[in-house]
Amino acid sequence: MPPTAPGRQNSQAGTSAHADVLDQLRALYEAECPPGYELQESVDAFYRSDEFWERFLQWIEQEPAAYPASDKAFVESALPVDGAHIINVGTFYPWAEIEWGARAAGWIGLDNNPHVLARAGAVLGDYPAHHVSLMQADITEPLDLGERFDCVLDLSTLDQLDPRKYRTVLENYRRLSDQLVLAYDATRLTFAEYEFDECGFTARMNPDTITALLGRMGYRIVDHRPFACLDRRSYVLAVQHVRREDEERS
């Protein structure tokens, strides 16, 4: 995310080296969440705003070395995009669809916000040759599209979702593909810090926490690059260590 105003709340209290990482992330959220705060409403309102849309475009233009360029470099190093079938979770500004949609054999941009999808669709109207479809779906609820992809691409969507739903989200990712390319904003605190502000919500996790979370959900990390950009943007390439089908048979 681009820089935002102060007023963020941080904590790493209530964590234990012996607790399940999913339980720890859930407990931290429940301890820190302000009374009456509705995460989904807050995030949706933020991404609907014309003001943030304009700020985002200006930020990318003024800081070309910011995270879209860094994201592109990591994805290109981790994933053979040409001829691949990819599902990209989160399509606020569809720069990834613009960048790779013509090279992929098939591309689905998935988002739960109809305003985001409408805006992305208008932008992609200038790229009729791209192999991109947009789909509305809630990744925090069980999701089965009846097909599998070469990769799930999550360029900082997980860290804006309700931590109490991480299990379902990552189960969905595993159902959709054996491979995950993930970008997240990291913290140097020993566990995690949650931010509730005008951006809605951001969970900044320590790289060790991300490692534990993905391992807990059956992934093996192939490449992990913490603090690769702007001293927070971090990247993971992970593959399923245990296939879902094997788990279901056991």
C-alpha atoms as a PDB file:
ATOM      1  CA  MET A   1       0.000   0.000   0.000  1.00  0.00           C
ATOM      2  CA  PRO A   2       1.175   3.572  -0.576  1.00  0.00           C
ATOM      3  CA  PRO A   3       2.110   5.689   2.420  1.00  0.00           C
ATOM      4  CA  THR A   4      -0.858   6.742   4.547  1.00  0.00           C
ATOM      5  CA  ALA A   5      -1.580   8.997   7.462  1.00  0.00           C
ATOM      6  CA  PRO A   6      -0.558   8.066  11.005  1.00  0.00           C
ATOM      7  CA  GLY A   7      -2.969   6.705  13.567  1.00  0.00           C
ATOM      8  CA  ARG A   8      -2.219   3.006  13.285  1.00  0.00           C
ATOM      9  CA  GLN A   9      -2.468   0.579  16.191  1.00  0.00           C
ATOM     10  CA  ASN A  10       0.271  -1.964  16.770  1.00  0.00           C
ATOM     11  CA  SER A  11       0.634  -4.944  19.060  1.00  0.00           C
ATOM     12  CA  GLN A  12       2.473  -8.174  19.443  1.00  0.00           C
ATOM     13  CA  ALA A  13       0.960  -9.052  22.807  1.00  0.00           C
ATOM     14  CA  GLY A  14      -0.615 -12.369  23.554  1.00  0.00           C
ATOM     15  CA  THR A  15       1.629 -14.509  21.356  1.00  0.00           C
ATOM     16  CA  SER A  16       3.264 -17.755  22.372  1.00  0.00           C
ATOM     17  CA  ALA A  17       5.911 -19.849  20.716  1.00  0.00           C
ATOM     18  CA  HIS A  18       3.808 -22.942  21.499  1.00  0.00           C
ATOM     19  CA  ALA A  19       0.426 -21.713  20.212  1.00  0.00           C
ATOM     20  CA  ASP A  20      -0.985 -22.487  16.788  1.00  0.00           C
ATOM     21  CA  VAL A  21      -0.155 -19.577  14.491  1.00  0.00           C
ATOM     22  CA  LEU A  22      -3.760 -19.378  13.255  1.00  0.00           C
ATOM     23  CA  ASP A  23      -4.964 -19.092  16.853  1.00  0.00           C
ATOM     24  CA  GLN A  24      -2.342 -16.467  17.606  1.00  0.00           C
ATOM     25  CA  LEU A  25      -3.329 -14.315  14.633  1.00  0.00           C
ATOM     26  CA  ARG A  26      -6.996 -14.642  15.543  1.00  0.00           C
ATOM     27  CA  ALA A  27      -6.417 -13.758  19.184  1.00  0.00           C
ATOM     28  CA  LEU A  28      -4.331 -10.719  18.294  1.00  0.00           C
ATOM     29  CA  TYR A  29      -7.062  -9.444  15.989  1.00  0.00           C
ATOM     30  CA  GLU A  30      -9.761  -9.904  18.598  1.00  0.00           C
ATOM     31  CA  ALA A  31      -7.639  -8.123  21.200  1.00  0.00           C
ATOM     32  CA  GLU A  32      -6.777  -5.158  18.949  1.00  0.00           C
ATOM     33  CA  CYS A  33      -9.938  -4.634  16.890  1.00  0.00           C
ATOM     34  CA  PRO A  34     -11.601  -1.329  17.914  1.00  0.00           C
ATOM     35  CA  PRO A  35     -15.160  -1.616  19.276  1.00  0.00           C
ATOM     36  CA  GLY A  36     -17.737  -1.513  16.510  1.00  0.00           C
ATOM     37  CA  TYR A  37     -15.149  -1.810  13.744  1.00  0.00           C
ATOM     38  CA  GLU A  38     -16.415  -3.616  10.617  1.00  0.00           C
ATOM     39  CA  LEU A  39     -13.416  -4.722   8.599  1.00  0.00           C
ATOM     40  CA  GLN A  40     -15.165  -5.533   5.313  1.00  0.00           C
ATOM     41  CA  GLU A  41     -17.196  -2.332   5.305  1.00  0.00           C
ATOM     42  CA  SER A  42     -14.121  -0.253   6.015  1.00  0.00           C
ATOM     43  CA  VAL A  43     -11.982  -1.893   3.324  1.00  0.00           C
ATOM     44  CA  ASP A  44     -14.750  -1.765   0.719  1.00  0.00           C
ATOM     45  CA  ALA A  45     -15.401   1.920   1.369  1.00  0.00           C
ATOM     46  CA  PHE A  46     -11.709   2.709   1.024  1.00  0.00           C
ATOM     47  CA  TYR A  47     -11.336   0.937  -2.300  1.00  0.00           C
ATOM     48  CA  ARG A  48     -14.513   2.526  -3.668  1.00  0.00           C
ATOM     49  CA  SER A  49     -13.179   6.022  -3.082  1.00  0.00           C
ATOM     50  CA  ASP A  50     -12.261   8.154  -6.091  1.00  0.00           C
ATOM     51  CA  GLU A  51      -9.746   9.974  -3.916  1.00  0.00           C
ATOM     52  CA  PHE A  52      -7.653   6.869  -3.288  1.00  0.00           C
ATOM     53  CA  TRP A  53      -7.880   5.852  -6.937  1.00  0.00           C
ATOM     54  CA  GLU A  54      -6.337   9.180  -7.973  1.00  0.00           C
ATOM     55  CA  ARG A  55      -3.743   9.061  -5.193  1.00  0.00           C
ATOM     56  CA  PHE A  56      -2.760   5.550  -6.207  1.00  0.00           C
ATOM     57  CA  LEU A  57      -2.257   6.465  -9.858  1.00  0.00           C
ATOM     58  CA  GLN A  58      -0.189   9.512  -8.912  1.00  0.00           C
ATOM     59  CA  TRP A  59       1.888   7.454  -6.499  1.00  0.00           C
ATOM     60  CA  ILE A  60       2.748   4.870  -9.146  1.00  0.00           C
ATOM     61  CA  GLU A  61       3.631   7.599 -11.626  1.00  0.00           C
ATOM     62  CA  GLN A  62       5.786   9.549  -9.171  1.00  0.00           C
ATOM     63  CA  GLU A  63       7.542   6.517  -7.644  1.00  0.00           C
ATOM     64  CA  PRO A  64       8.297   4.111 -10.515  1.00  0.00           C
ATOM     65  CA  ALA A  65      10.539   2.027  -8.236  1.00  0.00           C
ATOM     66  CA  ALA A  66       7.627   1.416  -5.869  1.00  0.00           C
ATOM     67  CA  TYR A  67       6.025  -1.941  -5.397  1.00  0.00           C
ATOM     68  CA  PRO A  68       4.399  -2.654  -8.810  1.00  0.00           C
ATOM     69  CA  ALA A  69       7.883  -2.711 -10.356  1.00  0.00           C
ATOM     70  CA  SER A  70       9.202  -4.779  -7.460  1.00  0.00           C
ATOM     71  CA  ASP A  71       6.213  -7.131  -7.663  1.00  0.00           C
ATOM     72  CA  LYS A  72       6.789  -7.556 -11.389  1.00  0.00           C
ATOM     73  CA  ALA A  73      10.447  -8.475 -10.883  1.00  0.00           C
ATOM     74  CA  PHE A  74       9.607 -11.135  -8.294  1.00  0.00           C
ATOM     75  CA  VAL A  75       6.738 -12.651 -10.257  1.00  0.00           C
ATOM     76  CA  GLU A  76       8.882 -12.835 -13.383  1.00  0.00           C
ATOM     77  CA  SER A  77      11.622 -14.606 -11.422  1.00  0.00           C
ATOM     78  CA  ALA A  78       9.220 -17.045  -9.756  1.00  0.00           C
ATOM     79  CA  LEU A  79       6.667 -17.890 -12.389  1.00  0.00           C
ATOM     80  CA  PRO A  80       6.768 -18.775 -16.101  1.00  0.00           C
ATOM     81  CA  VAL A  81       3.860 -16.524 -17.076  1.00  0.00           C
ATOM     82  CA  ASP A  82       3.862 -17.337 -20.784  1.00  0.00           C
ATOM     83  CA  GLY A  83       1.158 -19.873 -21.528  1.00  0.00           C
ATOM     84  CA  ALA A  84       0.146 -20.213 -17.874  1.00  0.00           C
ATOM     85  CA  HIS A  85      -3.346 -20.212 -16.377  1.00  0.00           C
ATOM     86  CA  ILE A  86      -3.345 -17.780 -13.464  1.00  0.00           C
ATOM     87  CA  ILE A  87      -5.860 -16.537 -10.928  1.00  0.00           C
ATOM     88  CA  ASN A  88      -5.031 -13.157  -9.398  1.00  0.00           C
ATOM     89  CA  VAL A  89      -6.762 -12.362  -6.106  1.00  0.00           C
ATOM     90  CA  GLY A  90      -7.402  -8.624  -5.768  1.00  0.00           C
ATOM     91  CA  THR A  91      -7.758  -6.331  -8.795  1.00  0.00           C
ATOM     92  CA  PHE A  92      -7.923  -2.768  -7.453  1.00  0.00           C
ATOM     93  CA  TYR A  93      -5.861  -1.296 -10.282  1.00  0.00           C
ATOM     94  CA  PRO A  94      -5.407  -4.097 -12.826  1.00  0.00           C
ATOM     95  CA  TRP A  95      -1.748  -3.471 -13.576  1.00  0.00           C
ATOM     96  CA  ALA A  96      -0.968  -7.194 -13.308  1.00  0.00           C
ATOM     97  CA  GLU A  97      -3.719  -8.010 -15.803  1.00  0.00           C
ATOM     98  CA  ILE A  98      -2.333  -5.345 -18.131  1.00  0.00           C
ATOM     99  CA  GLU A  99       1.238  -6.570 -17.685  1.00  0.00           C
ATOM    100  CA  TRP A 100       0.685 -10.309 -18.139  1.00  0.00           C
ATOM    101  CA  GLY A 101      -2.820 -10.798 -19.525  1.00  0.00           C
ATOM    102  CA  ALA A 102      -1.630 -11.106 -23.127  1.00  0.00           C
ATOM    103  CA  ARG A 103       1.122 -13.579 -22.235  1.00  0.00           C
ATOM    104  CA  ALA A 104      -0.903 -15.922 -20.057  1.00  0.00           C
ATOM    105  CA  ALA A 105      -3.068 -18.552 -21.725  1.00  0.00           C
ATOM    106  CA  GLY A 106      -5.836 -17.683 -19.294  1.00  0.00           C
ATOM    107  CA  TRP A 107      -6.217 -15.173 -16.487  1.00  0.00           C
ATOM    108  CA  ILE A 108      -8.949 -14.603 -13.919  1.00  0.00           C
ATOM    109  CA  GLY A 109      -8.914 -11.451 -11.823  1.00  0.00           C
ATOM    110  CA  LEU A 110     -10.947 -12.134  -8.696  1.00  0.00           C
ATOM    111  CA  ASP A 111     -12.337  -9.553  -6.296  1.00  0.00           C
ATOM    112  CA  ASN A 112     -15.343  -9.282  -3.986  1.00  0.00           C
ATOM    113  CA  ASN A 113     -15.926  -5.557  -4.517  1.00  0.00           C
ATOM    114  CA  PRO A 114     -18.193  -4.770  -7.492  1.00  0.00           C
ATOM    115  CA  HIS A 115     -16.912  -1.188  -7.659  1.00  0.00           C
ATOM    116  CA  VAL A 116     -13.332  -2.420  -7.945  1.00  0.00           C
ATOM    117  CA  LEU A 117     -14.319  -4.890 -10.654  1.00  0.00           C
ATOM    118  CA  ALA A 118     -16.234  -2.260 -12.637  1.00  0.00           C
ATOM    119  CA  ARG A 119     -13.309   0.121 -12.542  1.00  0.00           C
ATOM    120  CA  ALA A 120     -10.852  -2.630 -13.500  1.00  0.00           C
ATOM    121  CA  GLY A 121     -13.115  -3.705 -16.353  1.00  0.00           C
ATOM    122  CA  ALA A 122     -13.214  -0.156 -17.703  1.00  0.00           C
ATOM    123  CA  VAL A 123      -9.408   0.030 -17.686  1.00  0.00           C
ATOM    124  CA  LEU A 124      -9.062  -3.392 -19.334  1.00  0.00           C
ATOM    125  CA  GLY A 125     -11.417  -2.316 -22.102  1.00  0.00           C
ATOM    126  CA  ASP A 126      -8.325  -0.806 -23.713  1.00  0.00           C
ATOM    127  CA  TYR A 127      -6.738  -4.274 -23.913  1.00  0.00           C
ATOM    128  CA  PRO A 128      -9.185  -6.427 -25.902  1.00  0.00           C
ATOM    129  CA  ALA A 129      -6.520  -8.953 -26.928  1.00  0.00           C
ATOM    130  CA  HIS A 130      -5.676  -9.860 -23.329  1.00  0.00           C
ATOM    131  CA  HIS A 131      -6.897 -13.241 -22.081  1.00  0.00           C
ATOM    132  CA  VAL A 132      -8.449 -11.791 -18.925  1.00  0.00           C
ATOM    133  CA  SER A 133     -11.770 -12.484 -17.235  1.00  0.00           C
ATOM    134  CA  LEU A 134     -12.963 -10.714 -14.102  1.00  0.00           C
ATOM    135  CA  MET A 135     -14.976 -12.537 -11.457  1.00  0.00           C
ATOM    136  CA  GLN A 136     -16.721 -11.471  -8.274  1.00  0.00           C
ATOM    137  CA  ALA A 137     -16.232 -13.905  -5.400  1.00  0.00           C
ATOM    138  CA  ASP A 138     -15.475 -13.784  -1.680  1.00  0.00           C
ATOM    139  CA  ILE A 139     -12.139 -15.495  -1.079  1.00  0.00           C
ATOM    140  CA  THR A 140     -12.840 -15.589   2.678  1.00  0.00           C
ATOM    141  CA  GLU A 141     -15.658 -18.099   2.102  1.00  0.00           C
ATOM    142  CA  PRO A 142     -15.178 -21.645   0.743  1.00  0.00           C
ATOM    143  CA  LEU A 143     -14.613 -21.380  -3.009  1.00  0.00           C
ATOM    144  CA  ASP A 144     -14.401 -24.076  -5.669  1.00  0.00           C
ATOM    145  CA  LEU A 145     -14.310 -22.931  -9.291  1.00  0.00           C
ATOM    146  CA  GLY A 146     -14.213 -26.472 -10.626  1.00  0.00           C
ATOM    147  CA  GLU A 147     -10.791 -25.972 -12.193  1.00  0.00           C
ATOM    148  CA  ARG A 148      -7.188 -25.633 -11.137  1.00  0.00           C
ATOM    149  CA  PHE A 149      -4.630 -23.046 -12.161  1.00  0.00           C
ATOM    150  CA  ASP A 150      -0.882 -23.005 -12.608  1.00  0.00           C
ATOM    151  CA  CYS A 151      -0.608 -20.375  -9.889  1.00  0.00           C
ATOM    152  CA  VAL A 152      -2.540 -18.284  -7.400  1.00  0.00           C
ATOM    153  CA  LEU A 153      -1.201 -14.743  -7.437  1.00  0.00           C
ATOM    154  CA  ASP A 154      -1.822 -12.695  -4.287  1.00  0.00           C
ATOM    155  CA  LEU A 155      -0.058  -9.346  -4.421  1.00  0.00           C
ATOM    156  CA  SER A 156      -0.997  -8.092  -0.937  1.00  0.00           C
ATOM    157  CA  THR A 157      -4.589  -9.239  -0.567  1.00  0.00           C
ATOM    158  CA  LEU A 158      -4.164 -11.742   2.270  1.00  0.00           C
ATOM    159  CA  ASP A 159      -2.785  -9.070   4.574  1.00  0.00           C
ATOM    160  CA  GLN A 160      -5.935  -6.967   4.147  1.00  0.00           C
ATOM    161  CA  LEU A 161      -8.309  -9.797   5.028  1.00  0.00           C
ATOM    162  CA  ASP A 162      -9.742 -10.808   8.390  1.00  0.00           C
ATOM    163  CA  PRO A 163      -7.057 -12.931  10.116  1.00  0.00           C
ATOM    164  CA  ARG A 164      -9.824 -15.092  11.579  1.00  0.00           C
ATOM    165  CA  LYS A 165     -10.478 -16.288   8.011  1.00  0.00           C
ATOM    166  CA  TYR A 166      -6.921 -17.078   6.961  1.00  0.00           C
ATOM    167  CA  ARG A 167      -7.514 -20.812   7.174  1.00  0.00           C
ATOM    168  CA  THR A 168     -10.400 -20.628   4.682  1.00  0.00           C
ATOM    169  CA  VAL A 169      -8.493 -18.282   2.375  1.00  0.00           C
ATOM    170  CA  LEU A 170      -5.419 -20.504   2.221  1.00  0.00           C
ATOM    171  CA  GLU A 171      -7.550 -23.618   1.827  1.00  0.00           C
ATOM    172  CA  ASN A 172      -9.128 -21.897  -1.182  1.00  0.00           C
ATOM    173  CA  TYR A 173      -5.704 -21.088  -2.580  1.00  0.00           C
ATOM    174  CA  ARG A 174      -4.652 -24.706  -2.229  1.00  0.00           C
ATOM    175  CA  ARG A 175      -7.866 -25.863  -3.874  1.00  0.00           C
ATOM    176  CA  LEU A 176      -7.176 -23.545  -6.813  1.00  0.00           C
ATOM    177  CA  SER A 177      -3.485 -24.326  -7.382  1.00  0.00           C
ATOM    178  CA  ASP A 178      -0.414 -26.154  -6.106  1.00  0.00           C
ATOM    179  CA  GLN A 179       1.585 -22.927  -6.363  1.00  0.00           C
ATOM    180  CA  LEU A 180       1.264 -19.566  -4.598  1.00  0.00           C
ATOM    181  CA  VAL A 181       3.062 -16.311  -5.296  1.00  0.00           C
ATOM    182  CA  LEU A 182       2.438 -13.968  -2.366  1.00  0.00           C
ATOM    183  CA  ALA A 183       3.398 -10.366  -1.667  1.00  0.00           C
ATOM    184  CA  TYR A 184       2.939  -8.952   1.817  1.00  0.00           C
ATOM    185  CA  ASP A 185       4.045  -5.991   3.910  1.00  0.00           C
ATOM    186  CA  ALA A 186       6.283  -7.235   6.710  1.00  0.00           C
ATOM    187  CA  THR A 187       7.080  -5.991  10.189  1.00  0.00           C
ATOM    188  CA  ARG A 188      10.260  -6.405  12.225  1.00  0.00           C
ATOM    189  CA  LEU A 189       8.217  -6.988  15.376  1.00  0.00           C
ATOM    190  CA  THR A 190       8.531 -10.539  16.627  1.00  0.00           C
ATOM    191  CA  PHE A 191       5.063 -11.649  15.511  1.00  0.00           C
ATOM    192  CA  ALA A 192       2.682  -9.205  13.815  1.00  0.00           C
ATOM    193  CA  GLU A 193       1.113  -5.771  13.966  1.00  0.00           C
ATOM    194  CA  TYR A 194      -2.410  -4.871  12.904  1.00  0.00           C
ATOM    195  CA  GLU A 195      -3.323  -1.480  11.515  1.00  0.00           C
ATOM    196  CA  PHE A 196      -6.842  -0.053  11.635  1.00  0.00           C
ATOM    197  CA  ASP A 197      -7.075   3.276   9.833  1.00  0.00           C
ATOM    198  CA  GLU A 198      -8.510   5.062   6.807  1.00  0.00           C
ATOM    199  CA  CYS A 199      -7.132   2.284   4.581  1.00  0.00           C
ATOM    200  CA  GLY A 200      -9.374  -0.198   6.323  1.00  0.00           C
ATOM    201  CA  PHE A 201      -7.075  -2.878   7.687  1.00  0.00           C
ATOM    202  CA  THR A 202      -3.554  -4.184   7.152  1.00  0.00           C
ATOM    203  CA  ALA A 203      -1.874  -7.099   8.891  1.00  0.00           C
ATOM    204  CA  ARG A 204       1.895  -6.731   8.828  1.00  0.00           C
ATOM    205  CA  MET A 205       3.460 -10.050   9.718  1.00  0.00           C
ATOM    206  CA  ASN A 206       6.987 -10.920  10.647  1.00  0.00           C
ATOM    207  CA  PRO A 207       8.618 -13.127   7.983  1.00  0.00           C
ATOM    208  CA  ASP A 208       8.825 -15.946  10.532  1.00  0.00           C
ATOM    209  CA  THR A 209       5.070 -15.627  11.086  1.00  0.00           C
ATOM    210  CA  ILE A 210       4.363 -15.905   7.348  1.00  0.00           C
ATOM    211  CA  THR A 211       6.659 -18.926   7.202  1.00  0.00           C
ATOM    212  CA  ALA A 212       4.800 -20.562  10.094  1.00  0.00           C
ATOM    213  CA  LEU A 213       1.387 -19.702   8.630  1.00  0.00           C
ATOM    214  CA  LEU A 214       2.130 -21.153   5.209  1.00  0.00           C
ATOM    215  CA  GLY A 215       3.769 -24.219   6.730  1.00  0.00           C
ATOM    216  CA  ARG A 216       0.750 -24.726   8.972  1.00  0.00           C
ATOM    217  CA  MET A 217      -1.455 -24.713   5.861  1.00  0.00           C
ATOM    218  CA  GLY A 218       0.586 -27.303   3.985  1.00  0.00           C
ATOM    219  CA  TYR A 219       2.937 -25.143   1.931  1.00  0.00           C
ATOM    220  CA  ARG A 220       6.668 -25.480   1.415  1.00  0.00           C
ATOM    221  CA  ILE A 221       8.460 -22.191   0.791  1.00  0.00           C
ATOM    222  CA  VAL A 222      10.681 -22.208  -2.284  1.00  0.00           C
ATOM    223  CA  ASP A 223      11.769 -18.549  -2.249  1.00  0.00           C
ATOM    224  CA  HIS A 224      11.271 -15.952   0.492  1.00  0.00           C
ATOM    225  CA  ARG A 225      12.500 -12.370   0.163  1.00  0.00           C
ATOM    226  CA  PRO A 226      11.593 -10.266   3.212  1.00  0.00           C
ATOM    227  CA  PHE A 227      11.841  -6.458   3.107  1.00  0.00           C
ATOM    228  CA  ALA A 228      12.669  -6.459  -0.607  1.00  0.00           C
ATOM    229  CA  CYS A 229      11.123  -3.061  -1.386  1.00  0.00           C
ATOM    230  CA  LEU A 230      10.449   0.111   0.631  1.00  0.00           C
ATOM    231  CA  ASP A 231      11.719  -1.730   3.737  1.00  0.00           C
ATOM    232  CA  ARG A 232       8.438  -3.650   4.067  1.00  0.00           C
ATOM    233  CA  ARG A 233       7.308  -5.209   0.776  1.00  0.00           C
ATOM    234  CA  SER A 234       8.133  -8.915   0.942  1.00  0.00           C
ATOM    235  CA  TYR A 235       7.653 -11.917  -1.328  1.00  0.00           C
ATOM    236  CA  VAL A 236       7.085 -15.656  -1.121  1.00  0.00           C
ATOM    237  CA  LEU A 237       6.949 -18.424  -3.686  1.00  0.00           C
ATOM    238  CA  ALA A 238       5.383 -21.499  -2.085  1.00  0.00           C
ATOM    239  CA  VAL A 239       4.166 -24.881  -3.280  1.00  0.00           C
ATOM    240  CA  GLN A 240       1.918 -27.408  -1.626  1.00  0.00           C
ATOM    241  CA  HIS A 241       3.974 -29.706   0.561  1.00  0.00           C
ATOM    242  CA  VAL A 242       0.982 -31.978   1.118  1.00  0.00           C
ATOM    243  CA  ARG A 243      -1.633 -32.128  -1.630  1.00  0.00           C
ATOM    244  CA  ARG A 244      -5.232 -31.483  -0.524  1.00  0.00           C
ATOM    245  CA  GLU A 245      -6.274 -34.747  -2.160  1.00  0.00           C
ATOM    246  CA  ASP A 246      -3.754 -36.644  -0.009  1.00  0.00           C
ATOM    247  CA  GLU A 247      -5.065 -34.953   3.144  1.00  0.00           C
ATOM    248  CA  GLU A 248      -8.649 -35.801   2.258  1.00  0.00           C
ATOM    249  CA  ARG A 249      -7.796 -39.479   1.679  1.00  0.00           C
ATOM    250  CA  SER A 250      -5.887 -39.805   4.971  1.00  0.00           C
END
